[in-house]
Amino acid sequence: MLKRKITQQLIDWKTSSEKAMLVTGARQIGKSYAIREFAKQEYQTYVEINLYDNKAATKALLTASSMDDFLSRLSLFAQTDMIPGNTLIFIDEVQEAPDIMTMVKFLVQDGRFDYIFSGSMLGTEFKGVRSYPVGYVTKRTMRPMDFEEFLWAKGYSKETRNDFLEHMRSLKPFNELEMSVYLSLFMEFCILGGMPAVIREYIEKGTFEGSLDTQRQLLADYREDIRKYAEGMDQARILNVFQHIPVQLAKDNKKFQISKVASGARFKDYRGCIEWLNDAGIINVCYCLSFPELPLKGNYDEEKYKIYLADTGLLVAMLDEEVQEDLRVNRNLGVYKGALYENVVGEALVKAGYDLYYFKKENSTLEEDFFVRTAEALVPVEVKASNNRSKSLRTLIDSEHYPDIHFGIKLAGTNIGYGNGVYTFPYFCSFLLKEYLRGFQHLENKS
């Protein structure tokens, strides 16, 4: 069993909430498995209805005339007794019939059972729900496994997180053995990504054998989802955007250029495509700030953005055959080195709850990969594929033109360090940035 962070969120929900739970997220990230294991551990009995597999149940529940009628029809498909106060009703693949959510208010008010709804593509499908039960649903977005969950799968304890944080907060470098082991594990994670099927296969076999085939099947499933769910939109355009992400990330200028997707392509024709992929949980969009200052929301150009895959392993699986061989056998990233590290850091920031922003100054070499914030400061985050100087980071910290910026963070394949307002951490600490910055006190003031 792969341990997932969503499990604790589900336990907290069960003990503190009188609402239903809606778990959203892209396909194949382990939603159903995690909910099913939670149900087995926390309830005397549970009922699972999959609306994709069980068309008869879908039709029956959609045509229920009342809450009592809904529960009566549900019991016909339950195949077990529904015990009031100790039964979880789990309705999976709810994107197949999103209007079922209109019944949630009455089910919650009835109070006899707990309910979890889940499915993929909900960000796109729920836009058409006739009456979404606002106030009666606790919503959680699940994503692919992060590096900490990967460490759990490899047998590391939850204390590893605390050890990482202690190193970061005390600015105490890792010893040589720790750096070697954790950087190697992080490279494994970059190649595999966080899709449970891929990681489970890797743990069982102890090698990368078969992982690429599994990843390519997941990519094929994503393409099939685009064809199935992108109704009323140009599916070919969505697929074009999806297919062009790796090649555009490999360029020095990683800004996504619609003009490179197809001859004569224009932003206004493709805007809905990017939104659809983002809503589906397949990509992470990083918008260009108009100026590096607080607040972040509303302070960006919606026509300038970088696009990252929501799972770095799937990005790797989209690369050329020759690159695959070199990467998996020799750990050589080639021209994709910068793209891979940026993608995996962006992925970590999104999983921590951040929106993604970058900055590129017009007619200048000043450019910064990401920005996050504390209560008082804007924090530039630079991802270095090599150990070169961070010229843009230094400019943002030192210049009086950026008063919201007091310090910066550099993520690289090097040890922990600090100097001249720049805190350096190894890549494998990326998943802890938000927790690290909570209550953070900078060592010195900006002059």
Protein backbone atom coordinates (compact mmCIF):
# COMPACT_ATOMS: atom_id res chain seq x y z
CA MET A 1 0.00 0.00 0.00
CA LEU A 2 1.33 3.43 -0.98
CA LYS A 3 0.80 5.92 1.84
CA ARG A 4 -0.78 9.17 0.70
CA LYS A 5 -1.22 12.54 2.40
CA ILE A 6 -4.90 12.66 1.41
CA THR A 7 -5.56 9.92 3.99
CA GLN A 8 -4.98 12.26 6.93
CA GLN A 9 -7.18 14.89 5.27
CA LEU A 10 -9.96 12.32 4.97
CA ILE A 11 -9.59 11.33 8.63
CA ASP A 12 -9.74 15.00 9.68
CA TRP A 13 -12.84 15.46 7.53
CA LYS A 14 -14.59 12.45 9.06
CA THR A 15 -14.05 13.64 12.64
CA SER A 16 -14.82 17.32 12.12
CA SER A 17 -17.21 17.81 9.21
CA GLU A 18 -20.91 17.38 8.59
CA LYS A 19 -20.40 17.93 4.86
CA ALA A 20 -19.85 15.59 1.97
CA MET A 21 -16.34 15.34 0.51
CA LEU A 22 -15.46 15.95 -3.13
CA VAL A 23 -12.01 14.71 -4.19
CA THR A 24 -10.90 16.12 -7.54
CA GLY A 25 -7.78 15.55 -9.62
CA ALA A 26 -6.44 14.14 -12.86
CA ARG A 27 -6.91 10.51 -13.76
CA GLN A 28 -4.70 7.69 -12.40
CA ILE A 29 -3.29 9.63 -9.42
CA GLY A 30 -4.67 7.22 -6.81
CA LYS A 31 -7.92 8.92 -5.75
CA SER A 32 -10.11 5.81 -5.75
CA TYR A 33 -7.50 3.61 -4.11
CA ALA A 34 -6.86 6.08 -1.27
CA ILE A 35 -10.58 6.60 -0.61
CA ARG A 36 -11.27 2.86 -0.68
CA GLU A 37 -8.49 2.12 1.83
CA PHE A 38 -9.72 4.95 4.07
CA ALA A 39 -13.26 3.53 3.96
CA LYS A 40 -12.06 0.04 4.92
CA GLN A 41 -10.16 1.39 7.92
CA GLU A 42 -12.64 3.98 9.22
CA TYR A 43 -16.15 2.56 8.62
CA GLN A 44 -18.01 -0.60 9.50
CA THR A 45 -19.20 -0.80 5.92
CA TYR A 46 -18.93 1.18 2.71
CA VAL A 47 -20.73 1.31 -0.61
CA GLU A 48 -18.85 2.06 -3.82
CA ILE A 49 -20.63 2.95 -7.04
CA ASN A 50 -18.51 3.61 -10.15
CA LEU A 51 -20.56 5.67 -12.57
CA TYR A 52 -18.27 4.88 -15.49
CA ASP A 53 -18.51 1.10 -15.09
CA ASN A 54 -22.10 0.90 -13.81
CA LYS A 55 -24.33 2.61 -16.37
CA ALA A 56 -27.48 1.13 -14.81
CA ALA A 57 -26.67 2.75 -11.46
CA THR A 58 -25.89 6.04 -13.19
CA LYS A 59 -29.26 6.11 -14.93
CA ALA A 60 -31.12 5.06 -11.79
CA LEU A 61 -29.51 7.70 -9.54
CA LEU A 62 -29.88 10.49 -12.09
CA THR A 63 -33.62 9.89 -12.38
CA ALA A 64 -34.32 9.70 -8.62
CA SER A 65 -37.29 11.90 -7.73
CA SER A 66 -36.27 12.66 -4.12
CA MET A 67 -33.59 12.04 -1.53
CA ASP A 68 -35.45 9.00 -0.17
CA ASP A 69 -35.84 7.66 -3.70
CA PHE A 70 -32.11 8.25 -4.32
CA LEU A 71 -31.15 6.26 -1.20
CA SER A 72 -33.64 3.52 -2.04
CA ARG A 73 -32.16 3.10 -5.51
CA LEU A 74 -28.62 3.29 -4.10
CA SER A 75 -29.38 0.43 -1.70
CA LEU A 76 -30.30 -1.80 -4.66
CA PHE A 77 -26.72 -1.51 -5.95
CA ALA A 78 -25.01 -1.55 -2.53
CA GLN A 79 -24.61 -5.33 -2.12
CA THR A 80 -24.24 -4.74 1.64
CA ASP A 81 -26.25 -3.32 4.53
CA MET A 82 -26.10 0.46 4.86
CA ILE A 83 -25.64 1.11 8.57
CA PRO A 84 -26.72 4.60 9.66
CA GLY A 85 -23.86 6.43 11.37
CA ASN A 86 -21.18 3.99 10.23
CA THR A 87 -21.41 3.73 6.45
CA LEU A 88 -19.46 5.63 3.80
CA ILE A 89 -21.08 5.95 0.41
CA PHE A 90 -18.39 6.46 -2.22
CA ILE A 91 -19.56 7.55 -5.68
CA ASP A 92 -16.63 7.38 -8.09
CA GLU A 93 -16.20 8.77 -11.61
CA VAL A 94 -18.88 11.34 -10.84
CA GLN A 95 -17.82 13.32 -13.91
CA GLU A 96 -19.95 10.83 -15.87
CA ALA A 97 -23.09 12.30 -14.25
CA PRO A 98 -22.14 15.57 -12.49
CA ASP A 99 -25.80 16.52 -11.95
CA ILE A 100 -25.89 13.89 -9.19
CA MET A 101 -24.18 16.57 -7.09
CA THR A 102 -27.46 18.49 -6.98
CA MET A 103 -28.71 15.88 -4.49
CA VAL A 104 -25.84 16.42 -2.02
CA LYS A 105 -27.51 19.15 0.04
CA PHE A 106 -30.41 16.86 0.94
CA LEU A 107 -28.19 13.84 1.58
CA VAL A 108 -26.03 15.84 4.01
CA GLN A 109 -29.09 17.26 5.79
CA ASP A 110 -30.48 13.72 6.14
CA GLY A 111 -27.31 12.84 8.07
CA ARG A 112 -27.54 9.05 8.14
CA PHE A 113 -24.49 8.37 5.98
CA ASP A 114 -21.18 9.96 4.99
CA TYR A 115 -20.52 10.68 1.33
CA ILE A 116 -17.40 11.02 -0.80
CA PHE A 117 -17.62 11.87 -4.48
CA SER A 118 -14.61 11.59 -6.75
CA GLY A 119 -13.54 11.54 -10.35
CA SER A 120 -11.23 12.95 -12.96
CA MET A 121 -11.87 15.90 -15.27
CA LEU A 122 -14.09 17.54 -12.65
CA GLY A 123 -12.55 20.96 -13.28
CA THR A 124 -13.99 20.81 -16.79
CA GLU A 125 -17.19 18.83 -16.24
CA PHE A 126 -18.54 20.63 -13.17
CA LYS A 127 -18.83 23.96 -14.95
CA GLY A 128 -22.18 22.79 -16.30
CA VAL A 129 -23.74 21.49 -13.07
CA ARG A 130 -27.21 22.95 -12.65
CA SER A 131 -27.06 23.53 -8.89
CA TYR A 132 -23.71 22.95 -7.19
CA PRO A 133 -24.22 22.36 -3.41
CA VAL A 134 -22.16 25.29 -2.09
CA GLY A 135 -21.73 25.00 1.67
CA TYR A 136 -22.44 21.28 1.77
CA VAL A 137 -19.25 19.93 0.20
CA THR A 138 -15.65 19.95 1.44
CA LYS A 139 -13.47 19.99 -1.67
CA ARG A 140 -9.94 18.56 -1.84
CA THR A 141 -7.70 18.48 -4.89
CA MET A 142 -5.47 15.44 -5.08
CA ARG A 143 -2.31 15.43 -7.18
CA PRO A 144 0.36 12.90 -8.11
CA MET A 145 2.65 11.75 -5.32
CA ASP A 146 5.21 14.29 -4.12
CA PHE A 147 8.82 13.57 -3.15
CA GLU A 148 7.93 12.94 0.49
CA GLU A 149 5.34 10.33 -0.50
CA PHE A 150 7.96 8.78 -2.79
CA LEU A 151 10.33 8.56 0.19
CA TRP A 152 7.59 6.81 2.18
CA ALA A 153 7.23 4.30 -0.68
CA LYS A 154 10.99 3.69 -0.49
CA GLY A 155 10.71 2.90 3.21
CA TYR A 156 11.70 6.24 4.76
CA SER A 157 9.79 7.39 7.85
CA LYS A 158 7.82 10.59 8.33
CA GLU A 159 10.70 11.84 10.48
CA THR A 160 12.70 12.43 7.28
CA ARG A 161 10.56 15.51 6.67
CA ASN A 162 11.44 16.91 10.10
CA ASP A 163 15.12 16.20 9.48
CA PHE A 164 15.03 18.10 6.18
CA LEU A 165 13.28 21.05 7.83
CA GLU A 166 15.77 21.15 10.66
CA HIS A 167 18.64 21.31 8.17
CA MET A 168 16.91 24.12 6.26
CA ARG A 169 16.03 26.19 9.30
CA SER A 170 19.45 25.83 10.92
CA LEU A 171 21.25 26.19 7.56
CA LYS A 172 23.18 23.06 8.49
CA PRO A 173 24.54 21.32 5.36
CA PHE A 174 23.77 17.66 4.77
CA ASN A 175 26.78 15.37 5.08
CA GLU A 176 28.33 13.90 1.94
CA LEU A 177 26.52 10.56 2.22
CA GLU A 178 23.13 12.21 2.80
CA MET A 179 23.60 14.46 -0.24
CA SER A 180 24.56 11.54 -2.43
CA VAL A 181 21.63 9.38 -1.34
CA TYR A 182 18.94 12.08 -1.45
CA LEU A 183 20.07 13.52 -4.79
CA SER A 184 20.02 10.01 -6.27
CA LEU A 185 16.53 9.39 -4.88
CA PHE A 186 15.37 12.73 -6.24
CA MET A 187 16.66 11.87 -9.71
CA GLU A 188 14.70 8.60 -9.52
CA PHE A 189 11.62 10.60 -8.59
CA CYS A 190 12.15 13.01 -11.51
CA ILE A 191 12.34 10.12 -13.98
CA LEU A 192 9.39 8.22 -12.50
CA GLY A 193 7.14 11.11 -11.51
CA GLY A 194 4.38 10.68 -8.98
CA MET A 195 1.85 8.43 -10.71
CA PRO A 196 1.16 5.56 -8.26
CA ALA A 197 1.10 2.82 -10.92
CA VAL A 198 4.59 3.80 -12.06
CA ILE A 199 6.02 4.04 -8.55
CA ARG A 200 4.39 0.80 -7.41
CA GLU A 201 5.91 -1.06 -10.36
CA TYR A 202 9.32 0.48 -9.70
CA ILE A 203 9.24 -0.46 -6.00
CA GLU A 204 8.22 -4.04 -6.80
CA LYS A 205 10.86 -4.57 -9.51
CA GLY A 206 13.63 -2.39 -8.13
CA THR A 207 14.45 -1.17 -11.65
CA PHE A 208 13.08 1.21 -14.29
CA GLU A 209 12.01 -1.78 -16.38
CA GLY A 210 8.45 -1.28 -17.61
CA SER A 211 8.10 2.22 -16.13
CA LEU A 212 8.29 3.95 -19.51
CA ASP A 213 5.61 1.68 -20.99
CA THR A 214 3.33 2.45 -18.04
CA GLN A 215 3.93 6.19 -18.42
CA ARG A 216 3.21 6.06 -22.14
CA GLN A 217 -0.05 4.24 -21.48
CA LEU A 218 -1.02 7.00 -19.03
CA LEU A 219 -0.23 9.60 -21.70
CA ALA A 220 -2.42 7.68 -24.14
CA ASP A 221 -5.20 7.70 -21.54
CA TYR A 222 -4.84 11.49 -21.20
CA ARG A 223 -5.12 11.92 -24.95
CA GLU A 224 -8.22 9.73 -24.94
CA ASP A 225 -9.72 11.88 -22.17
CA ILE A 226 -9.17 14.96 -24.32
CA ARG A 227 -11.05 13.31 -27.16
CA LYS A 228 -13.84 12.18 -24.82
CA TYR A 229 -14.43 15.17 -22.57
CA ALA A 230 -13.42 18.22 -24.62
CA GLU A 231 -16.85 18.54 -26.16
CA GLY A 232 -17.63 21.73 -28.02
CA MET A 233 -13.92 22.55 -28.31
CA ASP A 234 -11.24 21.96 -30.91
CA GLN A 235 -9.72 18.73 -29.60
CA ALA A 236 -6.91 18.88 -32.15
CA ARG A 237 -5.79 22.23 -30.76
CA ILE A 238 -5.80 20.93 -27.19
CA LEU A 239 -3.73 17.93 -28.28
CA ASN A 240 -1.33 20.24 -30.17
CA VAL A 241 -0.74 22.31 -27.03
CA PHE A 242 -0.21 19.16 -24.97
CA GLN A 243 2.27 17.67 -27.45
CA HIS A 244 4.33 20.88 -27.74
CA ILE A 245 5.06 21.33 -24.02
CA PRO A 246 8.36 19.37 -23.88
CA VAL A 247 9.96 21.00 -26.92
CA GLN A 248 9.05 24.51 -25.77
CA LEU A 249 10.34 23.87 -22.25
CA ALA A 250 13.68 22.73 -23.71
CA LYS A 251 14.34 26.18 -25.19
CA ASP A 252 16.23 28.93 -23.34
CA ASN A 253 13.10 31.07 -23.55
CA LYS A 254 10.58 28.74 -21.91
CA LYS A 255 7.62 31.05 -22.49
CA PHE A 256 4.96 29.01 -24.27
CA GLN A 257 4.50 30.39 -27.78
CA ILE A 258 1.20 29.58 -29.46
CA SER A 259 2.72 30.60 -32.80
CA LYS A 260 5.03 27.57 -32.55
CA VAL A 261 2.17 25.12 -32.08
CA ALA A 262 0.78 25.44 -35.62
CA SER A 263 1.16 27.66 -38.64
CA GLY A 264 -0.87 30.85 -38.19
CA ALA A 265 -1.92 29.93 -34.63
CA ARG A 266 -3.11 32.88 -32.52
CA PHE A 267 -3.52 33.30 -28.77
CA LYS A 268 -7.26 34.00 -28.94
CA ASP A 269 -7.85 30.71 -30.78
CA TYR A 270 -5.98 28.65 -28.17
CA ARG A 271 -6.81 30.36 -24.88
CA GLY A 272 -9.58 27.92 -24.00
CA CYS A 273 -7.26 24.98 -24.74
CA ILE A 274 -4.78 25.97 -22.04
CA GLU A 275 -7.61 26.57 -19.56
CA TRP A 276 -9.12 23.18 -20.35
CA LEU A 277 -5.83 21.32 -19.77
CA ASN A 278 -5.27 23.25 -16.55
CA ASP A 279 -8.81 22.57 -15.29
CA ALA A 280 -8.32 18.88 -16.08
CA GLY A 281 -5.23 18.77 -13.84
CA ILE A 282 -2.95 17.78 -16.72
CA ILE A 283 -0.76 20.91 -16.76
CA ASN A 284 0.44 23.67 -14.43
CA VAL A 285 0.40 27.19 -15.90
CA CYS A 286 3.00 29.74 -14.73
CA TYR A 287 2.01 33.36 -15.55
CA CYS A 288 4.41 36.23 -16.16
CA LEU A 289 4.18 38.99 -13.57
CA SER A 290 3.66 42.49 -14.90
CA PHE A 291 6.11 43.64 -12.22
CA PRO A 292 7.69 41.74 -9.30
CA GLU A 293 5.68 43.23 -6.46
CA LEU A 294 2.86 42.29 -4.10
CA PRO A 295 0.07 41.34 -4.40
CA LEU A 296 0.59 38.52 -6.89
CA LYS A 297 -3.01 37.85 -7.87
CA GLY A 298 -4.12 40.15 -10.66
CA ASN A 299 -0.53 41.31 -11.22
CA TYR A 300 0.23 39.22 -14.29
CA ASP A 301 -0.14 39.16 -18.05
CA GLU A 302 -2.61 36.43 -19.01
CA GLU A 303 -1.10 36.20 -22.50
CA LYS A 304 2.42 35.41 -21.26
CA TYR A 305 2.94 32.09 -19.53
CA LYS A 306 5.02 28.94 -19.28
CA ILE A 307 3.34 25.53 -19.28
CA TYR A 308 4.61 22.61 -17.20
CA LEU A 309 3.32 19.05 -17.04
CA ALA A 310 1.53 18.33 -13.75
CA ASP A 311 3.69 15.20 -13.46
CA THR A 312 7.39 15.42 -14.30
CA GLY A 313 7.63 11.70 -15.02
CA LEU A 314 5.10 12.12 -17.84
CA LEU A 315 7.18 15.01 -19.20
CA VAL A 316 10.19 12.69 -19.24
CA ALA A 317 8.12 9.99 -20.98
CA MET A 318 7.29 12.43 -23.81
CA LEU A 319 10.97 12.93 -24.71
CA ASP A 320 12.79 11.28 -27.62
CA GLU A 321 13.82 7.60 -27.50
CA GLU A 322 17.53 8.52 -27.42
CA VAL A 323 16.99 10.92 -24.52
CA GLN A 324 15.06 8.22 -22.63
CA GLU A 325 17.94 5.76 -22.89
CA ASP A 326 20.56 8.30 -21.85
CA LEU A 327 18.46 9.51 -18.95
CA ARG A 328 17.45 6.14 -17.48
CA VAL A 329 20.82 4.45 -17.94
CA ASN A 330 23.31 7.31 -17.51
CA ARG A 331 21.22 9.94 -15.66
CA ASN A 332 22.21 12.40 -18.41
CA LEU A 333 19.52 15.05 -18.97
CA GLY A 334 21.12 16.77 -21.97
CA VAL A 335 19.29 19.86 -23.27
CA TYR A 336 16.29 19.01 -21.08
CA LYS A 337 18.15 19.52 -17.80
CA GLY A 338 16.76 23.00 -17.15
CA ALA A 339 13.27 22.00 -18.27
CA LEU A 340 13.14 18.96 -16.00
CA TYR A 341 14.28 20.77 -12.86
CA GLU A 342 11.98 23.72 -13.48
CA ASN A 343 9.06 21.37 -14.07
CA VAL A 344 9.66 19.36 -10.91
CA VAL A 345 10.05 22.50 -8.76
CA GLY A 346 6.91 24.04 -10.27
CA GLU A 347 5.11 20.76 -9.54
CA ALA A 348 6.31 20.84 -5.92
CA LEU A 349 5.13 24.44 -5.47
CA VAL A 350 1.67 23.64 -6.85
CA LYS A 351 1.37 20.60 -4.58
CA ALA A 352 2.28 22.85 -1.64
CA GLY A 353 -0.61 25.17 -2.53
CA TYR A 354 1.14 27.92 -4.50
CA ASP A 355 0.03 29.46 -7.77
CA LEU A 356 2.88 29.77 -10.26
CA TYR A 357 4.38 33.10 -11.38
CA TYR A 358 7.61 34.12 -13.11
CA PHE A 359 9.07 37.41 -14.33
CA LYS A 360 10.83 38.42 -17.55
CA LYS A 361 11.77 42.06 -17.97
CA GLU A 362 11.26 43.34 -21.51
CA ASN A 363 14.46 44.13 -23.42
CA SER A 364 16.58 42.81 -20.57
CA THR A 365 18.26 39.62 -19.40
CA LEU A 366 16.50 39.94 -16.03
CA GLU A 367 14.36 36.83 -15.58
CA GLU A 368 13.29 34.80 -12.55
CA ASP A 369 11.82 31.30 -12.57
CA PHE A 370 9.23 31.47 -9.77
CA PHE A 371 7.88 33.75 -7.05
CA VAL A 372 6.27 32.86 -3.75
CA ARG A 373 5.53 35.06 -0.76
CA THR A 374 5.60 35.37 3.00
CA ALA A 375 3.28 37.64 4.98
CA GLU A 376 5.61 40.60 4.39
CA ALA A 377 7.82 39.81 1.41
CA LEU A 378 7.91 38.64 -2.19
CA VAL A 379 10.39 35.77 -2.56
CA PRO A 380 12.07 35.02 -5.91
CA VAL A 381 12.90 31.33 -6.39
CA GLU A 382 15.62 30.43 -8.87
CA VAL A 383 16.12 26.91 -10.20
CA LYS A 384 19.70 26.30 -11.31
CA ALA A 385 20.56 23.38 -13.57
CA SER A 386 24.23 24.21 -12.97
CA ASN A 387 26.11 26.03 -10.22
CA ASN A 388 26.48 29.30 -12.12
CA ARG A 389 26.04 32.70 -10.46
CA SER A 390 22.47 33.90 -9.96
CA LYS A 391 22.71 37.28 -11.64
CA SER A 392 18.96 37.98 -11.88
CA LEU A 393 18.40 36.88 -8.28
CA ARG A 394 21.13 39.25 -7.10
CA THR A 395 19.61 42.14 -9.07
CA LEU A 396 16.14 41.59 -7.60
CA ILE A 397 17.50 41.46 -4.05
CA ASP A 398 19.93 44.38 -4.29
CA SER A 399 17.97 46.88 -6.41
CA GLU A 400 15.85 49.56 -4.78
CA HIS A 401 13.35 49.14 -7.62
CA TYR A 402 11.98 45.97 -6.00
CA PRO A 403 11.15 46.99 -2.41
CA ASP A 404 8.99 43.89 -1.72
CA ILE A 405 11.99 41.60 -2.26
CA HIS A 406 14.35 41.22 0.72
CA PHE A 407 15.90 37.82 0.04
CA GLY A 408 15.77 34.96 -2.46
CA ILE A 409 15.92 31.19 -2.63
CA LYS A 410 18.09 29.16 -4.99
CA LEU A 411 17.40 25.49 -5.66
CA ALA A 412 20.25 23.51 -7.18
CA GLY A 413 22.11 20.23 -7.04
CA THR A 414 24.26 21.63 -4.24
CA ASN A 415 24.19 21.64 -0.45
CA ILE A 416 22.52 24.07 1.93
CA GLY A 417 24.11 27.49 2.20
CA TYR A 418 23.54 31.21 2.66
CA GLY A 419 25.21 34.33 1.37
CA ASN A 420 24.24 37.92 0.50
CA GLY A 421 20.52 37.38 0.93
CA VAL A 422 20.35 34.09 -1.01
CA TYR A 423 19.34 30.87 0.75
CA THR A 424 20.51 27.82 -1.22
CA PHE A 425 18.84 24.43 -0.87
CA PRO A 426 19.15 21.13 -2.75
CA TYR A 427 16.36 20.31 -5.20
CA PHE A 428 15.02 17.59 -2.92
CA CYS A 429 13.96 20.22 -0.36
CA SER A 430 11.55 21.90 -2.82
CA PHE A 431 8.44 20.25 -1.38
CA LEU A 432 9.11 21.95 1.99
CA LEU A 433 9.41 25.58 0.84
CA LYS A 434 5.98 26.66 2.03
CA GLU A 435 6.46 25.13 5.47
CA TYR A 436 9.98 26.56 5.67
CA LEU A 437 8.73 30.08 4.92
CA ARG A 438 5.93 29.87 7.50
CA GLY A 439 7.15 32.06 10.38
CA PHE A 440 10.43 32.69 8.53
CA GLN A 441 12.78 35.40 9.83
CA HIS A 442 15.31 36.75 7.33
CA LEU A 443 18.90 36.98 8.59
CA GLU A 444 19.49 40.55 7.43
CA ASN A 445 17.62 43.60 6.18
CA LYS A 446 17.68 44.86 2.61
CA SER A 447 19.85 47.96 2.40
